Amino acid sequence: MGKGRTEDLARYTSSFDDRIRGLAGTEEQIEAITKAYRVYYKKVPTEDGDYTIDHSASVYLMDATGGFVGTLSYGEAHDSMLEKLKRLATQS
């Protein structure tokens, strides 16, 4: 991914929260990580010649060592998400 695209990604993710980090890489690296985390994405052309990305909408929960412990899914009940976050916080 070129420097401009990396900067665009950083600007985009920081509009949600400065703690969110967008990851970039080569096509091969992106394919490997999307397979490892079972992420869906698709480049969708727009009428003006640009594009948007259709993608999974989950938050990945990682423990203090960087290990995957679960997800918060789009539309998941708030009580369920809160319980997962409480469990994660007590593990650290």
PDB file of N, CA and C in Angstrom:
ATOM      1  N   MET A   1       0.861  -1.175   0.000  1.00  0.00           N
ATOM      2  CA  MET A   1       0.000   0.000   0.000  1.00  0.00           C
ATOM      3  C   MET A   1       0.897   1.225   0.000  1.00  0.00           C
ATOM      4  N   GLY A   2       0.605   2.167  -0.873  1.00  0.00           N
ATOM      5  CA  GLY A   2       1.409   3.372  -0.961  1.00  0.00           C
ATOM      6  C   GLY A   2       1.256   4.267   0.249  1.00  0.00           C
ATOM      7  N   LYS A   3       2.204   5.188   0.407  1.00  0.00           N
ATOM      8  CA  LYS A   3       2.195   6.067   1.571  1.00  0.00           C
ATOM      9  C   LYS A   3       0.900   6.872   1.672  1.00  0.00           C
ATOM     10  N   GLY A   4       0.396   7.361   0.557  1.00  0.00           N
ATOM     11  CA  GLY A   4      -0.847   8.127   0.577  1.00  0.00           C
ATOM     12  C   GLY A   4      -2.018   7.312   1.091  1.00  0.00           C
ATOM     13  N   ARG A   5      -2.103   6.055   0.684  1.00  0.00           N
ATOM     14  CA  ARG A   5      -3.186   5.182   1.138  1.00  0.00           C
ATOM     15  C   ARG A   5      -3.062   4.886   2.632  1.00  0.00           C
ATOM     16  N   THR A   6      -1.829   4.708   3.109  1.00  0.00           N
ATOM     17  CA  THR A   6      -1.610   4.462   4.530  1.00  0.00           C
ATOM     18  C   THR A   6      -2.047   5.674   5.337  1.00  0.00           C
ATOM     19  N   GLU A   7      -1.724   6.865   4.855  1.00  0.00           N
ATOM     20  CA  GLU A   7      -2.140   8.092   5.532  1.00  0.00           C
ATOM     21  C   GLU A   7      -3.659   8.235   5.505  1.00  0.00           C
ATOM     22  N   ASP A   8      -4.287   7.884   4.378  1.00  0.00           N
ATOM     23  CA  ASP A   8      -5.750   7.920   4.287  1.00  0.00           C
ATOM     24  C   ASP A   8      -6.372   6.980   5.318  1.00  0.00           C
ATOM     25  N   LEU A   9      -5.807   5.787   5.448  1.00  0.00           N
ATOM     26  CA  LEU A   9      -6.320   4.801   6.401  1.00  0.00           C
ATOM     27  C   LEU A   9      -6.176   5.323   7.827  1.00  0.00           C
ATOM     28  N   ALA A  10      -5.045   5.906   8.150  1.00  0.00           N
ATOM     29  CA  ALA A  10      -4.824   6.459   9.494  1.00  0.00           C
ATOM     30  C   ALA A  10      -5.821   7.577   9.792  1.00  0.00           C
ATOM     31  N   ARG A  11      -6.053   8.442   8.829  1.00  0.00           N
ATOM     32  CA  ARG A  11      -7.012   9.541   9.006  1.00  0.00           C
ATOM     33  C   ARG A  11      -8.426   8.986   9.195  1.00  0.00           C
ATOM     34  N   TYR A  12      -8.773   7.981   8.410  1.00  0.00           N
ATOM     35  CA  TYR A  12     -10.102   7.369   8.492  1.00  0.00           C
ATOM     36  C   TYR A  12     -10.333   6.721   9.857  1.00  0.00           C
ATOM     37  N   THR A  13      -9.408   5.877  10.292  1.00  0.00           N
ATOM     38  CA  THR A  13      -9.620   5.171  11.561  1.00  0.00           C
ATOM     39  C   THR A  13      -9.591   6.127  12.749  1.00  0.00           C
ATOM     40  N   SER A  14      -8.760   7.174  12.688  1.00  0.00           N
ATOM     41  CA  SER A  14      -8.695   8.111  13.806  1.00  0.00           C
ATOM     42  C   SER A  14      -9.973   8.941  13.930  1.00  0.00           C
ATOM     43  N   SER A  15     -10.793   8.988  12.883  1.00  0.00           N
ATOM     44  CA  SER A  15     -12.061   9.717  12.988  1.00  0.00           C
ATOM     45  C   SER A  15     -13.026   9.007  13.936  1.00  0.00           C
ATOM     46  N   PHE A  16     -12.793   7.716  14.181  1.00  0.00           N
ATOM     47  CA  PHE A  16     -13.597   6.967  15.141  1.00  0.00           C
ATOM     48  C   PHE A  16     -13.013   7.096  16.542  1.00  0.00           C
ATOM     49  N   ASP A  17     -11.704   6.856  16.660  1.00  0.00           N
ATOM     50  CA  ASP A  17     -11.007   6.923  17.948  1.00  0.00           C
ATOM     51  C   ASP A  17      -9.514   6.849  17.657  1.00  0.00           C
ATOM     52  N   ASP A  18      -8.722   7.657  18.337  1.00  0.00           N
ATOM     53  CA  ASP A  18      -7.272   7.673  18.098  1.00  0.00           C
ATOM     54  C   ASP A  18      -6.593   6.355  18.453  1.00  0.00           C
ATOM     55  N   ARG A  19      -7.257   5.517  19.249  1.00  0.00           N
ATOM     56  CA  ARG A  19      -6.651   4.237  19.643  1.00  0.00           C
ATOM     57  C   ARG A  19      -6.844   3.147  18.597  1.00  0.00           C
ATOM     58  N   ILE A  20      -7.675   3.398  17.591  1.00  0.00           N
ATOM     59  CA  ILE A  20      -7.899   2.408  16.538  1.00  0.00           C
ATOM     60  C   ILE A  20      -6.761   2.510  15.532  1.00  0.00           C
ATOM     61  N   ARG A  21      -6.200   1.364  15.195  1.00  0.00           N
ATOM     62  CA  ARG A  21      -5.100   1.329  14.232  1.00  0.00           C
ATOM     63  C   ARG A  21      -5.517   0.539  13.002  1.00  0.00           C
ATOM     64  N   GLY A  22      -5.389   1.147  11.850  1.00  0.00           N
ATOM     65  CA  GLY A  22      -5.632   0.446  10.603  1.00  0.00           C
ATOM     66  C   GLY A  22      -4.349  -0.240  10.178  1.00  0.00           C
ATOM     67  N   LEU A  23      -4.458  -1.440   9.674  1.00  0.00           N
ATOM     68  CA  LEU A  23      -3.280  -2.177   9.231  1.00  0.00           C
ATOM     69  C   LEU A  23      -3.228  -2.187   7.715  1.00  0.00           C
ATOM     70  N   ALA A  24      -2.045  -2.061   7.177  1.00  0.00           N
ATOM     71  CA  ALA A  24      -1.838  -2.062   5.732  1.00  0.00           C
ATOM     72  C   ALA A  24      -0.740  -3.064   5.400  1.00  0.00           C
ATOM     73  N   GLY A  25      -0.676  -3.447   4.142  1.00  0.00           N
ATOM     74  CA  GLY A  25       0.376  -4.361   3.710  1.00  0.00           C
ATOM     75  C   GLY A  25       0.238  -4.673   2.238  1.00  0.00           C
ATOM     76  N   THR A  26       1.040  -5.620   1.801  1.00  0.00           N
ATOM     77  CA  THR A  26       0.958  -6.068   0.417  1.00  0.00           C
ATOM     78  C   THR A  26      -0.327  -6.880   0.246  1.00  0.00           C
ATOM     79  N   GLU A  27      -0.709  -7.136  -1.004  1.00  0.00           N
ATOM     80  CA  GLU A  27      -1.902  -7.950  -1.241  1.00  0.00           C
ATOM     81  C   GLU A  27      -1.765  -9.320  -0.590  1.00  0.00           C
ATOM     82  N   GLU A  28      -0.572  -9.904  -0.650  1.00  0.00           N
ATOM     83  CA  GLU A  28      -0.338 -11.221  -0.054  1.00  0.00           C
ATOM     84  C   GLU A  28      -0.492 -11.170   1.464  1.00  0.00           C
ATOM     85  N   GLN A  29       0.025 -10.123   2.102  1.00  0.00           N
ATOM     86  CA  GLN A  29      -0.096  -9.983   3.551  1.00  0.00           C
ATOM     87  C   GLN A  29      -1.555  -9.780   3.953  1.00  0.00           C
ATOM     88  N   ILE A  30      -2.265  -8.969   3.181  1.00  0.00           N
ATOM     89  CA  ILE A  30      -3.678  -8.722   3.483  1.00  0.00           C
ATOM     90  C   ILE A  30      -4.482 -10.011   3.335  1.00  0.00           C
ATOM     91  N   GLU A  31      -4.229 -10.777   2.292  1.00  0.00           N
ATOM     92  CA  GLU A  31      -4.920 -12.055   2.098  1.00  0.00           C
ATOM     93  C   GLU A  31      -4.641 -13.007   3.258  1.00  0.00           C
ATOM     94  N   ALA A  32      -3.393 -13.072   3.716  1.00  0.00           N
ATOM     95  CA  ALA A  32      -3.029 -13.971   4.813  1.00  0.00           C
ATOM     96  C   ALA A  32      -3.762 -13.593   6.097  1.00  0.00           C
ATOM     97  N   ILE A  33      -3.824 -12.307   6.412  1.00  0.00           N
ATOM     98  CA  ILE A  33      -4.463 -11.888   7.661  1.00  0.00           C
ATOM     99  C   ILE A  33      -5.981 -12.025   7.579  1.00  0.00           C
ATOM    100  N   THR A  34      -6.557 -11.761   6.400  1.00  0.00           N
ATOM    101  CA  THR A  34      -8.007 -11.919   6.281  1.00  0.00           C
ATOM    102  C   THR A  34      -8.409 -13.385   6.406  1.00  0.00           C
ATOM    103  N   LYS A  35      -7.581 -14.287   5.922  1.00  0.00           N
ATOM    104  CA  LYS A  35      -7.860 -15.715   6.096  1.00  0.00           C
ATOM    105  C   LYS A  35      -7.693 -16.126   7.541  1.00  0.00           C
ATOM    106  N   ALA A  36      -6.645 -15.644   8.199  1.00  0.00           N
ATOM    107  CA  ALA A  36      -6.380 -16.005   9.593  1.00  0.00           C
ATOM    108  C   ALA A  36      -7.501 -15.548  10.518  1.00  0.00           C
ATOM    109  N   TYR A  37      -8.058 -14.363  10.262  1.00  0.00           N
ATOM    110  CA  TYR A  37      -9.115 -13.817  11.117  1.00  0.00           C
ATOM    111  C   TYR A  37     -10.514 -13.943  10.511  1.00  0.00           C
ATOM    112  N   ARG A  38     -10.598 -14.623   9.388  1.00  0.00           N
ATOM    113  CA  ARG A  38     -11.885 -14.844   8.709  1.00  0.00           C
ATOM    114  C   ARG A  38     -12.632 -13.531   8.441  1.00  0.00           C
ATOM    115  N   VAL A  39     -11.896 -12.602   7.867  1.00  0.00           N
ATOM    116  CA  VAL A  39     -12.430 -11.283   7.537  1.00  0.00           C
ATOM    117  C   VAL A  39     -12.935 -11.291   6.101  1.00  0.00           C
ATOM    118  N   TYR A  40     -14.062 -10.651   5.896  1.00  0.00           N
ATOM    119  CA  TYR A  40     -14.601 -10.473   4.551  1.00  0.00           C
ATOM    120  C   TYR A  40     -14.326  -9.046   4.113  1.00  0.00           C
ATOM    121  N   TYR A  41     -13.886  -8.881   2.872  1.00  0.00           N
ATOM    122  CA  TYR A  41     -13.796  -7.543   2.290  1.00  0.00           C
ATOM    123  C   TYR A  41     -13.925  -7.639   0.780  1.00  0.00           C
ATOM    124  N   LYS A  42     -14.422  -6.558   0.200  1.00  0.00           N
ATOM    125  CA  LYS A  42     -14.577  -6.505  -1.248  1.00  0.00           C
ATOM    126  C   LYS A  42     -14.484  -5.048  -1.687  1.00  0.00           C
ATOM    127  N   LYS A  43     -13.668  -4.795  -2.691  1.00  0.00           N
ATOM    128  CA  LYS A  43     -13.544  -3.460  -3.274  1.00  0.00           C
ATOM    129  C   LYS A  43     -14.755  -3.239  -4.177  1.00  0.00           C
ATOM    130  N   VAL A  44     -15.462  -2.135  -3.934  1.00  0.00           N
ATOM    131  CA  VAL A  44     -16.680  -1.834  -4.685  1.00  0.00           C
ATOM    132  C   VAL A  44     -16.503  -0.502  -5.415  1.00  0.00           C
ATOM    133  N   PRO A  45     -16.451  -0.531  -6.757  1.00  0.00           N
ATOM    134  CA  PRO A  45     -16.301   0.714  -7.521  1.00  0.00           C
ATOM    135  C   PRO A  45     -17.515   1.628  -7.340  1.00  0.00           C
ATOM    136  N   THR A  46     -17.264   2.932  -7.336  1.00  0.00           N
ATOM    137  CA  THR A  46     -18.355   3.905  -7.262  1.00  0.00           C
ATOM    138  C   THR A  46     -18.537   4.558  -8.628  1.00  0.00           C
ATOM    139  N   GLU A  47     -19.639   5.251  -8.799  1.00  0.00           N
ATOM    140  CA  GLU A  47     -19.961   5.866 -10.092  1.00  0.00           C
ATOM    141  C   GLU A  47     -18.950   6.929 -10.511  1.00  0.00           C
ATOM    142  N   ASP A  48     -18.278   7.559  -9.531  1.00  0.00           N
ATOM    143  CA  ASP A  48     -17.332   8.626  -9.866  1.00  0.00           C
ATOM    144  C   ASP A  48     -15.922   8.109 -10.173  1.00  0.00           C
ATOM    145  N   GLY A  49     -15.756   6.783 -10.268  1.00  0.00           N
ATOM    146  CA  GLY A  49     -14.461   6.208 -10.592  1.00  0.00           C
ATOM    147  C   GLY A  49     -13.610   5.868  -9.378  1.00  0.00           C
ATOM    148  N   ASP A  50     -14.059   6.249  -8.202  1.00  0.00           N
ATOM    149  CA  ASP A  50     -13.347   5.907  -6.975  1.00  0.00           C
ATOM    150  C   ASP A  50     -13.845   4.538  -6.501  1.00  0.00           C
ATOM    151  N   TYR A  51     -13.658   4.201  -5.265  1.00  0.00           N
ATOM    152  CA  TYR A  51     -14.161   2.934  -4.742  1.00  0.00           C
ATOM    153  C   TYR A  51     -14.409   3.038  -3.241  1.00  0.00           C
ATOM    154  N   THR A  52     -15.149   2.107  -2.747  1.00  0.00           N
ATOM    155  CA  THR A  52     -15.365   1.946  -1.318  1.00  0.00           C
ATOM    156  C   THR A  52     -15.062   0.485  -0.990  1.00  0.00           C
ATOM    157  N   ILE A  53     -14.967   0.167   0.290  1.00  0.00           N
ATOM    158  CA  ILE A  53     -14.688  -1.204   0.695  1.00  0.00           C
ATOM    159  C   ILE A  53     -15.852  -1.712   1.545  1.00  0.00           C
ATOM    160  N   ASP A  54     -16.469  -2.793   1.089  1.00  0.00           N
ATOM    161  CA  ASP A  54     -17.456  -3.511   1.874  1.00  0.00           C
ATOM    162  C   ASP A  54     -16.663  -4.487   2.742  1.00  0.00           C
ATOM    163  N   HIS A  55     -16.970  -4.572   4.039  1.00  0.00           N
ATOM    164  CA  HIS A  55     -16.142  -5.403   4.917  1.00  0.00           C
ATOM    165  C   HIS A  55     -16.888  -5.881   6.154  1.00  0.00           C
ATOM    166  N   SER A  56     -16.301  -6.856   6.831  1.00  0.00           N
ATOM    167  CA  SER A  56     -16.817  -7.336   8.109  1.00  0.00           C
ATOM    168  C   SER A  56     -16.852  -6.164   9.077  1.00  0.00           C
ATOM    169  N   ALA A  57     -17.742  -6.252  10.043  1.00  0.00           N
ATOM    170  CA  ALA A  57     -17.873  -5.161  11.009  1.00  0.00           C
ATOM    171  C   ALA A  57     -17.841  -5.705  12.432  1.00  0.00           C
ATOM    172  N   SER A  58     -16.728  -6.299  12.794  1.00  0.00           N
ATOM    173  CA  SER A  58     -16.538  -6.822  14.153  1.00  0.00           C
ATOM    174  C   SER A  58     -15.340  -6.144  14.793  1.00  0.00           C
ATOM    175  N   VAL A  59     -15.381  -6.079  16.112  1.00  0.00           N
ATOM    176  CA  VAL A  59     -14.236  -5.610  16.883  1.00  0.00           C
ATOM    177  C   VAL A  59     -13.538  -6.857  17.399  1.00  0.00           C
ATOM    178  N   TYR A  60     -12.246  -6.963  17.144  1.00  0.00           N
ATOM    179  CA  TYR A  60     -11.474  -8.110  17.601  1.00  0.00           C
ATOM    180  C   TYR A  60     -10.906  -7.812  18.981  1.00  0.00           C
ATOM    181  N   LEU A  61     -11.166  -8.702  19.924  1.00  0.00           N
ATOM    182  CA  LEU A  61     -10.669  -8.539  21.284  1.00  0.00           C
ATOM    183  C   LEU A  61      -9.361  -9.304  21.427  1.00  0.00           C
ATOM    184  N   MET A  62      -8.338  -8.606  21.873  1.00  0.00           N
ATOM    185  CA  MET A  62      -7.011  -9.193  22.053  1.00  0.00           C
ATOM    186  C   MET A  62      -6.605  -9.045  23.512  1.00  0.00           C
ATOM    187  N   ASP A  63      -5.917 -10.070  24.043  1.00  0.00           N
ATOM    188  CA  ASP A  63      -5.463  -9.983  25.427  1.00  0.00           C
ATOM    189  C   ASP A  63      -4.171  -9.172  25.510  1.00  0.00           C
ATOM    190  N   ALA A  64      -3.615  -9.067  26.702  1.00  0.00           N
ATOM    191  CA  ALA A  64      -2.431  -8.234  26.932  1.00  0.00           C
ATOM    192  C   ALA A  64      -1.214  -8.723  26.146  1.00  0.00           C
ATOM    193  N   THR A  65      -1.202  -9.998  25.760  1.00  0.00           N
ATOM    194  CA  THR A  65      -0.071 -10.531  24.998  1.00  0.00           C
ATOM    195  C   THR A  65      -0.296 -10.456  23.496  1.00  0.00           C
ATOM    196  N   GLY A  66      -1.447  -9.919  23.087  1.00  0.00           N
ATOM    197  CA  GLY A  66      -1.763  -9.820  21.668  1.00  0.00           C
ATOM    198  C   GLY A  66      -2.499 -11.029  21.130  1.00  0.00           C
ATOM    199  N   GLY A  67      -2.888 -11.947  22.010  1.00  0.00           N
ATOM    200  CA  GLY A  67      -3.624 -13.133  21.586  1.00  0.00           C
ATOM    201  C   GLY A  67      -5.104 -12.840  21.376  1.00  0.00           C
ATOM    202  N   PHE A  68      -5.667 -13.466  20.371  1.00  0.00           N
ATOM    203  CA  PHE A  68      -7.089 -13.296  20.054  1.00  0.00           C
ATOM    204  C   PHE A  68      -7.946 -13.992  21.101  1.00  0.00           C
ATOM    205  N   VAL A  69      -8.950 -13.277  21.637  1.00  0.00           N
ATOM    206  CA  VAL A  69      -9.850 -13.881  22.626  1.00  0.00           C
ATOM    207  C   VAL A  69     -11.320 -13.854  22.219  1.00  0.00           C
ATOM    208  N   GLY A  70     -11.666 -13.137  21.183  1.00  0.00           N
ATOM    209  CA  GLY A  70     -13.062 -13.119  20.744  1.00  0.00           C
ATOM    210  C   GLY A  70     -13.382 -11.870  19.946  1.00  0.00           C
ATOM    211  N   THR A  71     -14.662 -11.700  19.670  1.00  0.00           N
ATOM    212  CA  THR A  71     -15.116 -10.540  18.903  1.00  0.00           C
ATOM    213  C   THR A  71     -16.338  -9.902  19.545  1.00  0.00           C
ATOM    214  N   LEU A  72     -16.542  -8.661  19.198  1.00  0.00           N
ATOM    215  CA  LEU A  72     -17.800  -7.966  19.436  1.00  0.00           C
ATOM    216  C   LEU A  72     -18.400  -7.781  18.059  1.00  0.00           C
ATOM    217  N   SER A  73     -19.561  -8.346  17.842  1.00  0.00           N
ATOM    218  CA  SER A  73     -20.168  -8.322  16.520  1.00  0.00           C
ATOM    219  C   SER A  73     -21.119  -7.152  16.352  1.00  0.00           C
ATOM    220  N   TYR A  74     -21.213  -6.672  15.125  1.00  0.00           N
ATOM    221  CA  TYR A  74     -22.154  -5.605  14.807  1.00  0.00           C
ATOM    222  C   TYR A  74     -23.559  -6.090  15.152  1.00  0.00           C
ATOM    223  N   GLY A  75     -24.297  -5.310  15.920  1.00  0.00           N
ATOM    224  CA  GLY A  75     -25.660  -5.662  16.286  1.00  0.00           C
ATOM    225  C   GLY A  75     -25.766  -6.579  17.494  1.00  0.00           C
ATOM    226  N   GLU A  76     -24.640  -6.975  18.074  1.00  0.00           N
ATOM    227  CA  GLU A  76     -24.663  -7.844  19.249  1.00  0.00           C
ATOM    228  C   GLU A  76     -25.301  -7.101  20.423  1.00  0.00           C
ATOM    229  N   ALA A  77     -25.984  -7.827  21.271  1.00  0.00           N
ATOM    230  CA  ALA A  77     -26.637  -7.221  22.442  1.00  0.00           C
ATOM    231  C   ALA A  77     -25.594  -6.539  23.325  1.00  0.00           C
ATOM    232  N   HIS A  78     -25.931  -5.356  23.825  1.00  0.00           N
ATOM    233  CA  HIS A  78     -25.001  -4.589  24.653  1.00  0.00           C
ATOM    234  C   HIS A  78     -24.569  -5.362  25.892  1.00  0.00           C
ATOM    235  N   ASP A  79     -25.491  -6.081  26.522  1.00  0.00           N
ATOM    236  CA  ASP A  79     -25.148  -6.862  27.719  1.00  0.00           C
ATOM    237  C   ASP A  79     -24.088  -7.905  27.407  1.00  0.00           C
ATOM    238  N   SER A  80     -24.202  -8.546  26.267  1.00  0.00           N
ATOM    239  CA  SER A  80     -23.231  -9.555  25.851  1.00  0.00           C
ATOM    240  C   SER A  80     -21.856  -8.915  25.624  1.00  0.00           C
ATOM    241  N   MET A  81     -21.831  -7.774  24.940  1.00  0.00           N
ATOM    242  CA  MET A  81     -20.566  -7.092  24.688  1.00  0.00           C
ATOM    243  C   MET A  81     -19.921  -6.645  25.997  1.00  0.00           C
ATOM    244  N   LEU A  82     -20.719  -6.098  26.896  1.00  0.00           N
ATOM    245  CA  LEU A  82     -20.194  -5.630  28.174  1.00  0.00           C
ATOM    246  C   LEU A  82     -19.605  -6.789  28.971  1.00  0.00           C
ATOM    247  N   GLU A  83     -20.260  -7.931  28.977  1.00  0.00           N
ATOM    248  CA  GLU A  83     -19.751  -9.099  29.685  1.00  0.00           C
ATOM    249  C   GLU A  83     -18.407  -9.557  29.109  1.00  0.00           C
ATOM    250  N   LYS A  84     -18.285  -9.562  27.801  1.00  0.00           N
ATOM    251  CA  LYS A  84     -17.014  -9.948  27.164  1.00  0.00           C
ATOM    252  C   LYS A  84     -15.904  -8.968  27.550  1.00  0.00           C
ATOM    253  N   LEU A  85     -16.215  -7.670  27.568  1.00  0.00           N
ATOM    254  CA  LEU A  85     -15.211  -6.678  27.916  1.00  0.00           C
ATOM    255  C   LEU A  85     -14.807  -6.782  29.379  1.00  0.00           C
ATOM    256  N   LYS A  86     -15.761  -7.047  30.246  1.00  0.00           N
ATOM    257  CA  LYS A  86     -15.449  -7.233  31.669  1.00  0.00           C
ATOM    258  C   LYS A  86     -14.541  -8.443  31.858  1.00  0.00           C
ATOM    259  N   ARG A  87     -14.836  -9.546  31.179  1.00  0.00           N
ATOM    260  CA  ARG A  87     -13.988 -10.736  31.263  1.00  0.00           C
ATOM    261  C   ARG A  87     -12.569 -10.434  30.787  1.00  0.00           C
ATOM    262  N   LEU A  88     -12.472  -9.724  29.691  1.00  0.00           N
ATOM    263  CA  LEU A  88     -11.164  -9.361  29.147  1.00  0.00           C
ATOM    264  C   LEU A  88     -10.399  -8.483  30.118  1.00  0.00           C
ATOM    265  N   ALA A  89     -11.073  -7.501  30.722  1.00  0.00           N
ATOM    266  CA  ALA A  89     -10.422  -6.580  31.644  1.00  0.00           C
ATOM    267  C   ALA A  89      -9.905  -7.293  32.884  1.00  0.00           C
ATOM    268  N   THR A  90     -10.588  -8.318  33.338  1.00  0.00           N
ATOM    269  CA  THR A  90     -10.143  -9.028  34.540  1.00  0.00           C
ATOM    270  C   THR A  90      -9.023 -10.026  34.237  1.00  0.00           C
ATOM    271  N   GLN A  91      -8.824 -10.359  32.959  1.00  0.00           N
ATOM    272  CA  GLN A  91      -7.736 -11.271  32.574  1.00  0.00           C
ATOM    273  C   GLN A  91      -6.391 -10.554  32.583  1.00  0.00           C
ATOM    274  N   SER A  92      -6.407  -9.260  32.382  1.00  0.00           N
ATOM    275  CA  SER A  92      -5.144  -8.501  32.232  1.00  0.00           C
ATOM    276  C   SER A  92      -4.441  -8.293  33.538  1.00  0.00           C
TER     277      SER A  92
END
